[in-house]
Amino acid sequence: MYGAMKQRTEAEAERRWVEQWRETGMFLDEVKRYELADLTDEQAWRSIENLQSIAPGWQDPSAVCGLIEQQALFAKLRK
């Protein structure tokens, strides 16, 4: 009887944890929307320029860290 009660308690704790993260994700999405809406044109252009400055490094195949290959392998293993 104690084991079943413990399992229910653990399952309920997991459900609460998942629900908390779901709510946190929704809150962070809302914060992101507000931050994007408050961006000035100058801030937006600066962000674009910053992103463009890192793009060449990612285009160099020797600079790939292996995450793409790892995800491709995981996708094959799931099938």
Protein backbone atom coordinates (compact mmCIF):
# COMPACT_ATOMS: atom_id res chain seq x y z
CA MET A 1 0.00 0.00 0.00
CA TYR A 2 2.82 2.39 0.84
CA GLY A 3 4.49 1.73 -2.53
CA ALA A 4 1.35 2.60 -4.48
CA MET A 5 0.90 5.78 -2.44
CA LYS A 6 4.53 6.72 -3.02
CA GLN A 7 4.15 6.15 -6.78
CA ARG A 8 1.05 8.38 -6.87
CA THR A 9 2.93 11.07 -4.95
CA GLU A 10 5.89 10.84 -7.32
CA ALA A 11 3.62 10.90 -10.39
CA GLU A 12 1.79 13.94 -9.03
CA ALA A 13 5.12 15.69 -8.35
CA GLU A 14 6.19 14.97 -11.94
CA ARG A 15 2.89 16.34 -13.29
CA ARG A 16 3.31 19.50 -11.22
CA TRP A 17 6.91 19.87 -12.43
CA VAL A 18 5.85 19.52 -16.08
CA GLU A 19 2.98 21.97 -15.58
CA GLN A 20 5.32 24.47 -13.92
CA TRP A 21 7.72 24.32 -16.88
CA ARG A 22 4.83 24.64 -19.34
CA GLU A 23 3.65 27.78 -17.54
CA THR A 24 7.21 29.10 -17.38
CA GLY A 25 7.58 28.59 -21.14
CA MET A 26 4.36 30.48 -21.79
CA PHE A 27 5.53 33.32 -19.53
CA LEU A 28 8.92 33.51 -21.27
CA ASP A 29 7.21 33.60 -24.67
CA GLU A 30 5.13 36.53 -23.46
CA VAL A 31 8.23 38.33 -22.14
CA LYS A 32 9.96 37.77 -25.47
CA ARG A 33 6.98 39.24 -27.36
CA TYR A 34 7.02 42.35 -25.16
CA GLU A 35 10.79 42.75 -25.53
CA LEU A 36 10.55 42.44 -29.31
CA ALA A 37 7.70 44.93 -29.43
CA ASP A 38 9.77 47.42 -27.41
CA LEU A 39 12.84 47.18 -29.66
CA THR A 40 13.82 50.38 -31.36
CA ASP A 41 14.87 50.28 -35.01
CA GLU A 42 18.44 50.97 -33.93
CA GLN A 43 18.42 48.03 -31.50
CA ALA A 44 16.93 45.73 -34.13
CA TRP A 45 19.56 46.70 -36.72
CA ARG A 46 22.33 46.22 -34.16
CA SER A 47 21.03 42.73 -33.39
CA ILE A 48 20.87 41.89 -37.10
CA GLU A 49 24.42 43.12 -37.62
CA ASN A 50 25.62 41.06 -34.66
CA LEU A 51 23.98 37.94 -36.06
CA GLN A 52 25.43 38.54 -39.50
CA SER A 53 28.91 38.87 -38.02
CA ILE A 54 28.81 35.30 -36.70
CA ALA A 55 27.33 33.72 -39.82
CA PRO A 56 30.66 33.17 -41.68
CA GLY A 57 31.99 30.99 -38.87
CA TRP A 58 29.00 28.70 -39.09
CA GLN A 59 29.39 28.37 -42.84
CA ASP A 60 32.86 26.88 -42.48
CA PRO A 61 32.42 23.06 -42.43
CA SER A 62 35.56 22.62 -40.34
CA ALA A 63 34.01 24.82 -37.63
CA VAL A 64 31.05 22.48 -37.11
CA CYS A 65 31.03 21.19 -33.57
CA GLY A 66 29.33 17.88 -34.35
CA LEU A 67 25.85 18.66 -33.07
CA ILE A 68 24.34 18.44 -36.55
CA GLU A 69 25.91 15.04 -37.12
CA GLN A 70 24.79 13.93 -33.65
CA GLN A 71 21.18 14.94 -34.31
CA ALA A 72 21.25 13.12 -37.66
CA LEU A 73 22.47 9.99 -35.89
CA PHE A 74 19.73 10.28 -33.25
CA ALA A 75 17.14 10.65 -35.99
CA LYS A 76 18.38 7.43 -37.64
CA LEU A 77 18.32 5.58 -34.31
CA ARG A 78 14.72 6.67 -33.63
CA LYS A 79 13.57 5.05 -36.87
